[in-house]
Amino acid sequence: MACRCAGAAGSGHVSARLALSYTVRLFAYEDVSDEQKRQAEQRFCKALNDALGDAALVLPVFTIYRRLVALHGDTPSADALSTEELELFTQWQAAESAALTAALGPHRYMGDAEFDIRA
């Protein structure tokens, strides 16, 4: 079970727009029905898209975030990142936090649930 999310990116001209999409998959470590997983994945996608402004921004921001974590760790000092990097880093963390809250809020029994985001 996975949720496919799509958005559009481009120069603003309709003919030059490219559809970008990503897949979110929930891995839950407790008994959760397929329907509950699907609903949680959809809530996660919607909250992530809303927090970042569009589904087309999810993969680019997530990719940059992962690169920054690989280079600087999970909690880099503010002076290790440029202003733009720090903005993207904190923007992703806030978006992911909002998505987790939206997805799991009333369903805390999912315990150590993890969401996998892929192109």
PDB file of N, CA and C in Angstrom:
ATOM      1  N   MET A   1       0.851  -1.169   0.000  1.00  0.00           N
ATOM      2  CA  MET A   1       0.000   0.000   0.000  1.00  0.00           C
ATOM      3  C   MET A   1       0.896   1.231   0.000  1.00  0.00           C
ATOM      4  N   ALA A   2       0.666   2.146  -0.917  1.00  0.00           N
ATOM      5  CA  ALA A   2       1.440   3.380  -0.992  1.00  0.00           C
ATOM      6  C   ALA A   2       0.565   4.469  -1.580  1.00  0.00           C
ATOM      7  N   CYS A   3       0.859   5.694  -1.232  1.00  0.00           N
ATOM      8  CA  CYS A   3       0.133   6.846  -1.722  1.00  0.00           C
ATOM      9  C   CYS A   3       0.990   7.542  -2.766  1.00  0.00           C
ATOM     10  N   ARG A   4       0.474   7.751  -3.948  1.00  0.00           N
ATOM     11  CA  ARG A   4       1.186   8.447  -5.011  1.00  0.00           C
ATOM     12  C   ARG A   4       0.707   9.883  -5.023  1.00  0.00           C
ATOM     13  N   CYS A   5       1.630  10.819  -4.906  1.00  0.00           N
ATOM     14  CA  CYS A   5       1.292  12.233  -4.861  1.00  0.00           C
ATOM     15  C   CYS A   5       1.933  12.922  -6.051  1.00  0.00           C
ATOM     16  N   ALA A   6       1.204  13.808  -6.698  1.00  0.00           N
ATOM     17  CA  ALA A   6       1.744  14.480  -7.880  1.00  0.00           C
ATOM     18  C   ALA A   6       1.514  15.973  -7.787  1.00  0.00           C
ATOM     19  N   GLY A   7       2.431  16.694  -8.396  1.00  0.00           N
ATOM     20  CA  GLY A   7       2.336  18.138  -8.466  1.00  0.00           C
ATOM     21  C   GLY A   7       2.932  18.587  -9.776  1.00  0.00           C
ATOM     22  N   ALA A   8       2.953  19.865 -10.023  1.00  0.00           N
ATOM     23  CA  ALA A   8       3.509  20.387 -11.262  1.00  0.00           C
ATOM     24  C   ALA A   8       4.621  21.361 -10.954  1.00  0.00           C
ATOM     25  N   ALA A   9       5.646  21.306 -11.759  1.00  0.00           N
ATOM     26  CA  ALA A   9       6.750  22.253 -11.615  1.00  0.00           C
ATOM     27  C   ALA A   9       7.100  22.755 -13.000  1.00  0.00           C
ATOM     28  N   GLY A  10       7.583  23.949 -13.056  1.00  0.00           N
ATOM     29  CA  GLY A  10       7.983  24.470 -14.351  1.00  0.00           C
ATOM     30  C   GLY A  10       8.136  25.962 -14.303  1.00  0.00           C
ATOM     31  N   SER A  11       8.203  26.548 -15.447  1.00  0.00           N
ATOM     32  CA  SER A  11       8.463  27.978 -15.549  1.00  0.00           C
ATOM     33  C   SER A  11       7.213  28.814 -15.362  1.00  0.00           C
ATOM     34  N   GLY A  12       6.091  28.177 -15.183  1.00  0.00           N
ATOM     35  CA  GLY A  12       4.852  28.924 -15.048  1.00  0.00           C
ATOM     36  C   GLY A  12       4.036  28.894 -16.326  1.00  0.00           C
ATOM     37  N   HIS A  13       4.652  28.499 -17.424  1.00  0.00           N
ATOM     38  CA  HIS A  13       3.927  28.356 -18.678  1.00  0.00           C
ATOM     39  C   HIS A  13       3.347  26.956 -18.728  1.00  0.00           C
ATOM     40  N   VAL A  14       2.090  26.857 -19.055  1.00  0.00           N
ATOM     41  CA  VAL A  14       1.413  25.571 -19.047  1.00  0.00           C
ATOM     42  C   VAL A  14       2.140  24.562 -19.930  1.00  0.00           C
ATOM     43  N   SER A  15       2.591  24.955 -21.098  1.00  0.00           N
ATOM     44  CA  SER A  15       3.236  24.018 -22.017  1.00  0.00           C
ATOM     45  C   SER A  15       4.590  23.546 -21.508  1.00  0.00           C
ATOM     46  N   ALA A  16       5.201  24.273 -20.599  1.00  0.00           N
ATOM     47  CA  ALA A  16       6.530  23.919 -20.102  1.00  0.00           C
ATOM     48  C   ALA A  16       6.477  23.238 -18.743  1.00  0.00           C
ATOM     49  N   ARG A  17       5.287  22.947 -18.251  1.00  0.00           N
ATOM     50  CA  ARG A  17       5.163  22.361 -16.924  1.00  0.00           C
ATOM     51  C   ARG A  17       5.461  20.871 -16.964  1.00  0.00           C
ATOM     52  N   LEU A  18       6.167  20.408 -15.972  1.00  0.00           N
ATOM     53  CA  LEU A  18       6.541  19.002 -15.855  1.00  0.00           C
ATOM     54  C   LEU A  18       5.913  18.463 -14.583  1.00  0.00           C
ATOM     55  N   ALA A  19       5.214  17.376 -14.688  1.00  0.00           N
ATOM     56  CA  ALA A  19       4.589  16.771 -13.512  1.00  0.00           C
ATOM     57  C   ALA A  19       5.653  16.041 -12.695  1.00  0.00           C
ATOM     58  N   LEU A  20       5.702  16.341 -11.417  1.00  0.00           N
ATOM     59  CA  LEU A  20       6.592  15.663 -10.493  1.00  0.00           C
ATOM     60  C   LEU A  20       5.729  14.879  -9.527  1.00  0.00           C
ATOM     61  N   SER A  21       6.150  13.679  -9.221  1.00  0.00           N
ATOM     62  CA  SER A  21       5.370  12.903  -8.276  1.00  0.00           C
ATOM     63  C   SER A  21       6.287  12.145  -7.338  1.00  0.00           C
ATOM     64  N   TYR A  22       5.725  11.751  -6.242  1.00  0.00           N
ATOM     65  CA  TYR A  22       6.463  10.967  -5.262  1.00  0.00           C
ATOM     66  C   TYR A  22       5.511   9.962  -4.637  1.00  0.00           C
ATOM     67  N   THR A  23       6.093   8.963  -4.028  1.00  0.00           N
ATOM     68  CA  THR A  23       5.319   7.927  -3.366  1.00  0.00           C
ATOM     69  C   THR A  23       5.643   7.937  -1.887  1.00  0.00           C
ATOM     70  N   VAL A  24       4.624   7.846  -1.068  1.00  0.00           N
ATOM     71  CA  VAL A  24       4.794   7.727   0.370  1.00  0.00           C
ATOM     72  C   VAL A  24       4.282   6.355   0.765  1.00  0.00           C
ATOM     73  N   ARG A  25       5.093   5.658   1.519  1.00  0.00           N
ATOM     74  CA  ARG A  25       4.687   4.335   1.997  1.00  0.00           C
ATOM     75  C   ARG A  25       4.862   4.288   3.508  1.00  0.00           C
ATOM     76  N   LEU A  26       3.837   3.827   4.179  1.00  0.00           N
ATOM     77  CA  LEU A  26       3.861   3.708   5.632  1.00  0.00           C
ATOM     78  C   LEU A  26       4.312   2.316   6.024  1.00  0.00           C
ATOM     79  N   PHE A  27       5.277   2.277   6.901  1.00  0.00           N
ATOM     80  CA  PHE A  27       5.707   1.030   7.514  1.00  0.00           C
ATOM     81  C   PHE A  27       5.317   1.112   8.977  1.00  0.00           C
ATOM     82  N   ALA A  28       4.322   0.327   9.370  1.00  0.00           N
ATOM     83  CA  ALA A  28       3.844   0.323  10.749  1.00  0.00           C
ATOM     84  C   ALA A  28       4.270  -0.976  11.406  1.00  0.00           C
ATOM     85  N   TYR A  29       4.669  -0.881  12.659  1.00  0.00           N
ATOM     86  CA  TYR A  29       5.170  -2.040  13.373  1.00  0.00           C
ATOM     87  C   TYR A  29       4.132  -2.690  14.263  1.00  0.00           C
ATOM     88  N   GLU A  30       2.906  -2.280  14.119  1.00  0.00           N
ATOM     89  CA  GLU A  30       1.812  -2.877  14.876  1.00  0.00           C
ATOM     90  C   GLU A  30       0.707  -3.231  13.896  1.00  0.00           C
ATOM     91  N   ASP A  31      -0.243  -4.000  14.349  1.00  0.00           N
ATOM     92  CA  ASP A  31      -1.347  -4.373  13.470  1.00  0.00           C
ATOM     93  C   ASP A  31      -2.156  -3.145  13.089  1.00  0.00           C
ATOM     94  N   VAL A  32      -2.134  -2.866  11.816  1.00  0.00           N
ATOM     95  CA  VAL A  32      -2.886  -1.751  11.265  1.00  0.00           C
ATOM     96  C   VAL A  32      -3.486  -2.253   9.959  1.00  0.00           C
ATOM     97  N   SER A  33      -4.735  -1.963   9.745  1.00  0.00           N
ATOM     98  CA  SER A  33      -5.386  -2.433   8.517  1.00  0.00           C
ATOM     99  C   SER A  33      -4.833  -1.690   7.303  1.00  0.00           C
ATOM    100  N   ASP A  34      -5.003  -2.284   6.143  1.00  0.00           N
ATOM    101  CA  ASP A  34      -4.575  -1.638   4.899  1.00  0.00           C
ATOM    102  C   ASP A  34      -5.282  -0.302   4.713  1.00  0.00           C
ATOM    103  N   GLU A  35      -6.552  -0.245   5.086  1.00  0.00           N
ATOM    104  CA  GLU A  35      -7.311   0.999   4.963  1.00  0.00           C
ATOM    105  C   GLU A  35      -6.746   2.076   5.891  1.00  0.00           C
ATOM    106  N   GLN A  36      -6.389   1.720   7.113  1.00  0.00           N
ATOM    107  CA  GLN A  36      -5.799   2.688   8.043  1.00  0.00           C
ATOM    108  C   GLN A  36      -4.452   3.186   7.511  1.00  0.00           C
ATOM    109  N   LYS A  37      -3.665   2.291   6.938  1.00  0.00           N
ATOM    110  CA  LYS A  37      -2.381   2.700   6.340  1.00  0.00           C
ATOM    111  C   LYS A  37      -2.616   3.665   5.186  1.00  0.00           C
ATOM    112  N   ARG A  38      -3.552   3.310   4.315  1.00  0.00           N
ATOM    113  CA  ARG A  38      -3.837   4.155   3.155  1.00  0.00           C
ATOM    114  C   ARG A  38      -4.280   5.550   3.591  1.00  0.00           C
ATOM    115  N   GLN A  39      -5.157   5.613   4.575  1.00  0.00           N
ATOM    116  CA  GLN A  39      -5.627   6.907   5.069  1.00  0.00           C
ATOM    117  C   GLN A  39      -4.484   7.714   5.696  1.00  0.00           C
ATOM    118  N   ALA A  40      -3.630   7.056   6.462  1.00  0.00           N
ATOM    119  CA  ALA A  40      -2.486   7.744   7.076  1.00  0.00           C
ATOM    120  C   ALA A  40      -1.528   8.254   6.000  1.00  0.00           C
ATOM    121  N   GLU A  41      -1.292   7.464   4.966  1.00  0.00           N
ATOM    122  CA  GLU A  41      -0.421   7.892   3.861  1.00  0.00           C
ATOM    123  C   GLU A  41      -1.009   9.109   3.155  1.00  0.00           C
ATOM    124  N   GLN A  42      -2.317   9.104   2.939  1.00  0.00           N
ATOM    125  CA  GLN A  42      -2.967  10.238   2.288  1.00  0.00           C
ATOM    126  C   GLN A  42      -2.886  11.501   3.148  1.00  0.00           C
ATOM    127  N   ARG A  43      -3.107  11.356   4.449  1.00  0.00           N
ATOM    128  CA  ARG A  43      -3.004  12.518   5.349  1.00  0.00           C
ATOM    129  C   ARG A  43      -1.581  13.050   5.369  1.00  0.00           C
ATOM    130  N   PHE A  44      -0.599  12.141   5.373  1.00  0.00           N
ATOM    131  CA  PHE A  44       0.807  12.528   5.367  1.00  0.00           C
ATOM    132  C   PHE A  44       1.120  13.327   4.094  1.00  0.00           C
ATOM    133  N   CYS A  45       0.714  12.809   2.937  1.00  0.00           N
ATOM    134  CA  CYS A  45       0.946  13.496   1.656  1.00  0.00           C
ATOM    135  C   CYS A  45       0.304  14.881   1.642  1.00  0.00           C
ATOM    136  N   LYS A  46      -0.948  14.934   2.030  1.00  0.00           N
ATOM    137  CA  LYS A  46      -1.657  16.211   1.993  1.00  0.00           C
ATOM    138  C   LYS A  46      -0.988  17.241   2.896  1.00  0.00           C
ATOM    139  N   ALA A  47      -0.634  16.848   4.100  1.00  0.00           N
ATOM    140  CA  ALA A  47      -0.006  17.788   5.030  1.00  0.00           C
ATOM    141  C   ALA A  47       1.374  18.220   4.524  1.00  0.00           C
ATOM    142  N   LEU A  48       2.124  17.290   3.945  1.00  0.00           N
ATOM    143  CA  LEU A  48       3.438  17.626   3.401  1.00  0.00           C
ATOM    144  C   LEU A  48       3.293  18.608   2.243  1.00  0.00           C
ATOM    145  N   ASN A  49       2.368  18.327   1.343  1.00  0.00           N
ATOM    146  CA  ASN A  49       2.123  19.221   0.207  1.00  0.00           C
ATOM    147  C   ASN A  49       1.691  20.605   0.684  1.00  0.00           C
ATOM    148  N   ASP A  50       0.786  20.643   1.650  1.00  0.00           N
ATOM    149  CA  ASP A  50       0.295  21.916   2.172  1.00  0.00           C
ATOM    150  C   ASP A  50       1.411  22.704   2.854  1.00  0.00           C
ATOM    151  N   ALA A  51       2.238  22.018   3.628  1.00  0.00           N
ATOM    152  CA  ALA A  51       3.301  22.699   4.367  1.00  0.00           C
ATOM    153  C   ALA A  51       4.374  23.263   3.434  1.00  0.00           C
ATOM    154  N   LEU A  52       4.651  22.555   2.349  1.00  0.00           N
ATOM    155  CA  LEU A  52       5.688  23.010   1.418  1.00  0.00           C
ATOM    156  C   LEU A  52       5.122  23.877   0.299  1.00  0.00           C
ATOM    157  N   GLY A  53       3.809  23.866   0.126  1.00  0.00           N
ATOM    158  CA  GLY A  53       3.172  24.715  -0.875  1.00  0.00           C
ATOM    159  C   GLY A  53       2.709  23.987  -2.117  1.00  0.00           C
ATOM    160  N   ASP A  54       3.295  22.829  -2.429  1.00  0.00           N
ATOM    161  CA  ASP A  54       2.899  22.073  -3.614  1.00  0.00           C
ATOM    162  C   ASP A  54       3.607  20.730  -3.595  1.00  0.00           C
ATOM    163  N   ALA A  55       2.964  19.726  -4.151  1.00  0.00           N
ATOM    164  CA  ALA A  55       3.574  18.394  -4.231  1.00  0.00           C
ATOM    165  C   ALA A  55       4.868  18.418  -5.036  1.00  0.00           C
ATOM    166  N   ALA A  56       4.969  19.332  -5.990  1.00  0.00           N
ATOM    167  CA  ALA A  56       6.166  19.416  -6.827  1.00  0.00           C
ATOM    168  C   ALA A  56       7.401  19.839  -6.035  1.00  0.00           C
ATOM    169  N   LEU A  57       7.223  20.401  -4.869  1.00  0.00           N
ATOM    170  CA  LEU A  57       8.357  20.843  -4.048  1.00  0.00           C
ATOM    171  C   LEU A  57       8.861  19.762  -3.100  1.00  0.00           C
ATOM    172  N   VAL A  58       8.087  18.713  -2.888  1.00  0.00           N
ATOM    173  CA  VAL A  58       8.441  17.697  -1.896  1.00  0.00           C
ATOM    174  C   VAL A  58       9.765  17.021  -2.214  1.00  0.00           C
ATOM    175  N   LEU A  59       9.905  16.447  -3.396  1.00  0.00           N
ATOM    176  CA  LEU A  59      11.144  15.741  -3.726  1.00  0.00           C
ATOM    177  C   LEU A  59      12.373  16.645  -3.739  1.00  0.00           C
ATOM    178  N   PRO A  60      12.315  17.822  -4.367  1.00  0.00           N
ATOM    179  CA  PRO A  60      13.507  18.677  -4.334  1.00  0.00           C
ATOM    180  C   PRO A  60      13.922  19.090  -2.919  1.00  0.00           C
ATOM    181  N   VAL A  61      12.961  19.482  -2.097  1.00  0.00           N
ATOM    182  CA  VAL A  61      13.288  19.908  -0.728  1.00  0.00           C
ATOM    183  C   VAL A  61      13.780  18.711   0.088  1.00  0.00           C
ATOM    184  N   PHE A  62      13.135  17.559  -0.065  1.00  0.00           N
ATOM    185  CA  PHE A  62      13.546  16.360   0.656  1.00  0.00           C
ATOM    186  C   PHE A  62      14.965  15.935   0.251  1.00  0.00           C
ATOM    187  N   THR A  63      15.266  16.007  -1.029  1.00  0.00           N
ATOM    188  CA  THR A  63      16.598  15.639  -1.521  1.00  0.00           C
ATOM    189  C   THR A  63      17.671  16.549  -0.933  1.00  0.00           C
ATOM    190  N   ILE A  64      17.414  17.832  -0.925  1.00  0.00           N
ATOM    191  CA  ILE A  64      18.375  18.783  -0.337  1.00  0.00           C
ATOM    192  C   ILE A  64      18.519  18.523   1.158  1.00  0.00           C
ATOM    193  N   TYR A  65      17.411  18.302   1.834  1.00  0.00           N
ATOM    194  CA  TYR A  65      17.449  18.016   3.268  1.00  0.00           C
ATOM    195  C   TYR A  65      18.317  16.796   3.554  1.00  0.00           C
ATOM    196  N   ARG A  66      18.107  15.722   2.798  1.00  0.00           N
ATOM    197  CA  ARG A  66      18.902  14.500   3.012  1.00  0.00           C
ATOM    198  C   ARG A  66      20.379  14.730   2.756  1.00  0.00           C
ATOM    199  N   ARG A  67      20.709  15.531   1.750  1.00  0.00           N
ATOM    200  CA  ARG A  67      22.115  15.864   1.489  1.00  0.00           C
ATOM    201  C   ARG A  67      22.713  16.661   2.647  1.00  0.00           C
ATOM    202  N   LEU A  68      21.952  17.601   3.164  1.00  0.00           N
ATOM    203  CA  LEU A  68      22.439  18.402   4.291  1.00  0.00           C
ATOM    204  C   LEU A  68      22.652  17.532   5.526  1.00  0.00           C
ATOM    205  N   VAL A  69      21.747  16.606   5.776  1.00  0.00           N
ATOM    206  CA  VAL A  69      21.901  15.692   6.909  1.00  0.00           C
ATOM    207  C   VAL A  69      23.136  14.810   6.711  1.00  0.00           C
ATOM    208  N   ALA A  70      23.346  14.337   5.498  1.00  0.00           N
ATOM    209  CA  ALA A  70      24.508  13.494   5.213  1.00  0.00           C
ATOM    210  C   ALA A  70      25.821  14.258   5.435  1.00  0.00           C
ATOM    211  N   LEU A  71      25.814  15.530   5.109  1.00  0.00           N
ATOM    212  CA  LEU A  71      27.029  16.342   5.252  1.00  0.00           C
ATOM    213  C   LEU A  71      27.241  16.888   6.663  1.00  0.00           C
ATOM    214  N   HIS A  72      26.135  17.256   7.318  1.00  0.00           N
ATOM    215  CA  HIS A  72      26.248  17.997   8.579  1.00  0.00           C
ATOM    216  C   HIS A  72      25.584  17.328   9.776  1.00  0.00           C
ATOM    217  N   GLY A  73      24.920  16.198   9.588  1.00  0.00           N
ATOM    218  CA  GLY A  73      24.248  15.521  10.690  1.00  0.00           C
ATOM    219  C   GLY A  73      22.819  16.000  10.879  1.00  0.00           C
ATOM    220  N   ASP A  74      22.139  15.346  11.817  1.00  0.00           N
ATOM    221  CA  ASP A  74      20.720  15.645  12.072  1.00  0.00           C
ATOM    222  C   ASP A  74      20.482  17.007  12.709  1.00  0.00           C
ATOM    223  N   THR A  75      21.468  17.515  13.425  1.00  0.00           N
ATOM    224  CA  THR A  75      21.309  18.807  14.094  1.00  0.00           C
ATOM    225  C   THR A  75      22.541  19.684  13.831  1.00  0.00           C
ATOM    226  N   PRO A  76      22.675  20.165  12.594  1.00  0.00           N
ATOM    227  CA  PRO A  76      23.844  20.997  12.277  1.00  0.00           C
ATOM    228  C   PRO A  76      23.761  22.351  12.966  1.00  0.00           C
ATOM    229  N   SER A  77      24.914  22.897  13.262  1.00  0.00           N
ATOM    230  CA  SER A  77      24.910  24.244  13.838  1.00  0.00           C
ATOM    231  C   SER A  77      24.512  25.221  12.740  1.00  0.00           C
ATOM    232  N   ALA A  78      23.869  26.294  13.134  1.00  0.00           N
ATOM    233  CA  ALA A  78      23.364  27.272  12.178  1.00  0.00           C
ATOM    234  C   ALA A  78      24.483  27.871  11.336  1.00  0.00           C
ATOM    235  N   ASP A  79      25.675  27.994  11.902  1.00  0.00           N
ATOM    236  CA  ASP A  79      26.769  28.595  11.132  1.00  0.00           C
ATOM    237  C   ASP A  79      27.405  27.618  10.141  1.00  0.00           C
ATOM    238  N   ALA A  80      27.036  26.338  10.204  1.00  0.00           N
ATOM    239  CA  ALA A  80      27.555  25.354   9.239  1.00  0.00           C
ATOM    240  C   ALA A  80      26.784  25.401   7.928  1.00  0.00           C
ATOM    241  N   LEU A  81      25.605  26.009   7.944  1.00  0.00           N
ATOM    242  CA  LEU A  81      24.751  26.067   6.763  1.00  0.00           C
ATOM    243  C   LEU A  81      24.620  27.500   6.268  1.00  0.00           C
ATOM    244  N   SER A  82      24.454  27.645   4.956  1.00  0.00           N
ATOM    245  CA  SER A  82      24.163  28.972   4.414  1.00  0.00           C
ATOM    246  C   SER A  82      22.739  29.342   4.839  1.00  0.00           C
ATOM    247  N   THR A  83      22.380  30.573   4.647  1.00  0.00           N
ATOM    248  CA  THR A  83      21.036  31.035   4.988  1.00  0.00           C
ATOM    249  C   THR A  83      19.981  30.228   4.235  1.00  0.00           C
ATOM    250  N   GLU A  84      20.230  29.983   2.953  1.00  0.00           N
ATOM    251  CA  GLU A  84      19.286  29.225   2.135  1.00  0.00           C
ATOM    252  C   GLU A  84      19.194  27.772   2.591  1.00  0.00           C
ATOM    253  N   GLU A  85      20.340  27.172   2.907  1.00  0.00           N
ATOM    254  CA  GLU A  85      20.346  25.789   3.383  1.00  0.00           C
ATOM    255  C   GLU A  85      19.605  25.663   4.706  1.00  0.00           C
ATOM    256  N   LEU A  86      19.847  26.590   5.603  1.00  0.00           N
ATOM    257  CA  LEU A  86      19.171  26.569   6.897  1.00  0.00           C
ATOM    258  C   LEU A  86      17.664  26.719   6.722  1.00  0.00           C
ATOM    259  N   GLU A  87      17.259  27.577   5.797  1.00  0.00           N
ATOM    260  CA  GLU A  87      15.834  27.769   5.543  1.00  0.00           C
ATOM    261  C   GLU A  87      15.201  26.478   5.019  1.00  0.00           C
ATOM    262  N   LEU A  88      15.846  25.821   4.062  1.00  0.00           N
ATOM    263  CA  LEU A  88      15.320  24.562   3.530  1.00  0.00           C
ATOM    264  C   LEU A  88      15.328  23.465   4.584  1.00  0.00           C
ATOM    265  N   PHE A  89      16.377  23.415   5.390  1.00  0.00           N
ATOM    266  CA  PHE A  89      16.499  22.411   6.447  1.00  0.00           C
ATOM    267  C   PHE A  89      15.348  22.547   7.437  1.00  0.00           C
ATOM    268  N   THR A  90      15.126  23.745   7.917  1.00  0.00           N
ATOM    269  CA  THR A  90      14.060  23.962   8.905  1.00  0.00           C
ATOM    270  C   THR A  90      12.679  23.840   8.265  1.00  0.00           C
ATOM    271  N   GLN A  91      12.563  24.233   6.997  1.00  0.00           N
ATOM    272  CA  GLN A  91      11.290  24.103   6.296  1.00  0.00           C
ATOM    273  C   GLN A  91      10.903  22.627   6.171  1.00  0.00           C
ATOM    274  N   TRP A  92      11.880  21.765   5.830  1.00  0.00           N
ATOM    275  CA  TRP A  92      11.571  20.344   5.719  1.00  0.00           C
ATOM    276  C   TRP A  92      11.181  19.768   7.082  1.00  0.00           C
ATOM    277  N   GLN A  93      11.942  20.112   8.117  1.00  0.00           N
ATOM    278  CA  GLN A  93      11.638  19.569   9.440  1.00  0.00           C
ATOM    279  C   GLN A  93      10.238  19.963   9.895  1.00  0.00           C
ATOM    280  N   ALA A  94       9.856  21.200   9.640  1.00  0.00           N
ATOM    281  CA  ALA A  94       8.517  21.658  10.018  1.00  0.00           C
ATOM    282  C   ALA A  94       7.446  20.941   9.190  1.00  0.00           C
ATOM    283  N   ALA A  95       7.695  20.777   7.900  1.00  0.00           N
ATOM    284  CA  ALA A  95       6.734  20.086   7.032  1.00  0.00           C
ATOM    285  C   ALA A  95       6.581  18.627   7.434  1.00  0.00           C
ATOM    286  N   GLU A  96       7.688  17.967   7.721  1.00  0.00           N
ATOM    287  CA  GLU A  96       7.631  16.562   8.117  1.00  0.00           C
ATOM    288  C   GLU A  96       6.916  16.409   9.460  1.00  0.00           C
ATOM    289  N   SER A  97       7.176  17.311  10.380  1.00  0.00           N
ATOM    290  CA  SER A  97       6.509  17.270  11.679  1.00  0.00           C
ATOM    291  C   SER A  97       5.002  17.445  11.518  1.00  0.00           C
ATOM    292  N   ALA A  98       4.598  18.387  10.674  1.00  0.00           N
ATOM    293  CA  ALA A  98       3.171  18.607  10.422  1.00  0.00           C
ATOM    294  C   ALA A  98       2.547  17.381   9.763  1.00  0.00           C
ATOM    295  N   ALA A  99       3.279  16.755   8.842  1.00  0.00           N
ATOM    296  CA  ALA A  99       2.773  15.581   8.151  1.00  0.00           C
ATOM    297  C   ALA A  99       2.624  14.393   9.111  1.00  0.00           C
ATOM    298  N   LEU A 100       3.592  14.215   9.988  1.00  0.00           N
ATOM    299  CA  LEU A 100       3.505  13.136  10.973  1.00  0.00           C
ATOM    300  C   LEU A 100       2.329  13.343  11.915  1.00  0.00           C
ATOM    301  N   THR A 101       2.140  14.576  12.351  1.00  0.00           N
ATOM    302  CA  THR A 101       1.014  14.888  13.234  1.00  0.00           C
ATOM    303  C   THR A 101      -0.306  14.645  12.519  1.00  0.00           C
ATOM    304  N   ALA A 102      -0.394  15.074  11.258  1.00  0.00           N
ATOM    305  CA  ALA A 102      -1.628  14.863  10.494  1.00  0.00           C
ATOM    306  C   ALA A 102      -1.890  13.382  10.253  1.00  0.00           C
ATOM    307  N   ALA A 103      -0.841  12.634   9.965  1.00  0.00           N
ATOM    308  CA  ALA A 103      -1.002  11.220   9.627  1.00  0.00           C
ATOM    309  C   ALA A 103      -1.300  10.361  10.838  1.00  0.00           C
ATOM    310  N   LEU A 104      -0.639  10.633  11.940  1.00  0.00           N
ATOM    311  CA  LEU A 104      -0.719   9.737  13.089  1.00  0.00           C
ATOM    312  C   LEU A 104      -1.454  10.310  14.290  1.00  0.00           C
ATOM    313  N   GLY A 105      -1.816  11.559  14.223  1.00  0.00           N
ATOM    314  CA  GLY A 105      -2.443  12.217  15.360  1.00  0.00           C
ATOM    315  C   GLY A 105      -3.436  11.365  16.128  1.00  0.00           C
ATOM    316  N   PRO A 106      -4.563  11.015  15.544  1.00  0.00           N
ATOM    317  CA  PRO A 106      -5.542  10.211  16.273  1.00  0.00           C
ATOM    318  C   PRO A 106      -5.218   8.714  16.272  1.00  0.00           C
ATOM    319  N   HIS A 107      -4.114   8.339  15.641  1.00  0.00           N
ATOM    320  CA  HIS A 107      -3.776   6.925  15.501  1.00  0.00           C
ATOM    321  C   HIS A 107      -2.416   6.623  16.120  1.00  0.00           C
ATOM    322  N   ARG A 108      -2.194   7.062  17.323  1.00  0.00           N
ATOM    323  CA  ARG A 108      -0.905   6.870  17.987  1.00  0.00           C
ATOM    324  C   ARG A 108      -0.570   5.404  18.210  1.00  0.00           C
ATOM    325  N   TYR A 109      -1.562   4.520  18.099  1.00  0.00           N
ATOM    326  CA  TYR A 109      -1.308   3.095  18.290  1.00  0.00           C
ATOM    327  C   TYR A 109      -0.401   2.531  17.203  1.00  0.00           C
ATOM    328  N   MET A 110      -0.129   3.309  16.152  1.00  0.00           N
ATOM    329  CA  MET A 110       0.769   2.833  15.109  1.00  0.00           C
ATOM    330  C   MET A 110       2.209   2.798  15.605  1.00  0.00           C
ATOM    331  N   GLY A 111       2.424   3.277  16.804  1.00  0.00           N
ATOM    332  CA  GLY A 111       3.726   3.156  17.453  1.00  0.00           C
ATOM    333  C   GLY A 111       4.873   3.759  16.663  1.00  0.00           C
ATOM    334  N   ASP A 112       5.834   2.930  16.327  1.00  0.00           N
ATOM    335  CA  ASP A 112       7.034   3.387  15.626  1.00  0.00           C
ATOM    336  C   ASP A 112       6.847   3.374  14.119  1.00  0.00           C
ATOM    337  N   ALA A 113       5.781   3.943  13.668  1.00  0.00           N
ATOM    338  CA  ALA A 113       5.515   3.988  12.232  1.00  0.00           C
ATOM    339  C   ALA A 113       6.562   4.857  11.539  1.00  0.00           C
ATOM    340  N   GLU A 114       6.914   4.461  10.330  1.00  0.00           N
ATOM    341  CA  GLU A 114       7.858   5.223   9.519  1.00  0.00           C
ATOM    342  C   GLU A 114       7.257   5.448   8.144  1.00  0.00           C
ATOM    343  N   PHE A 115       7.543   6.604   7.572  1.00  0.00           N
ATOM    344  CA  PHE A 115       7.094   6.917   6.224  1.00  0.00           C
ATOM    345  C   PHE A 115       8.311   6.960   5.322  1.00  0.00           C
ATOM    346  N   ASP A 116       8.208   6.281   4.185  1.00  0.00           N
ATOM    347  CA  ASP A 116       9.269   6.265   3.187  1.00  0.00           C
ATOM    348  C   ASP A 116       8.821   7.100   2.009  1.00  0.00           C
ATOM    349  N   ILE A 117       9.644   8.050   1.593  1.00  0.00           N
ATOM    350  CA  ILE A 117       9.326   8.933   0.475  1.00  0.00           C
ATOM    351  C   ILE A 117      10.265   8.609  -0.679  1.00  0.00           C
ATOM    352  N   ARG A 118       9.707   8.341  -1.842  1.00  0.00           N
ATOM    353  CA  ARG A 118      10.500   7.998  -3.028  1.00  0.00           C
ATOM    354  C   ARG A 118       9.921   8.638  -4.281  1.00  0.00           C
ATOM    355  N   ALA A 119      10.779   8.777  -5.271  1.00  0.00           N
ATOM    356  CA  ALA A 119      10.345   9.299  -6.574  1.00  0.00           C
ATOM    357  C   ALA A 119       9.518   8.261  -7.290  1.00  0.00           C
TER     358      ALA A 119
END
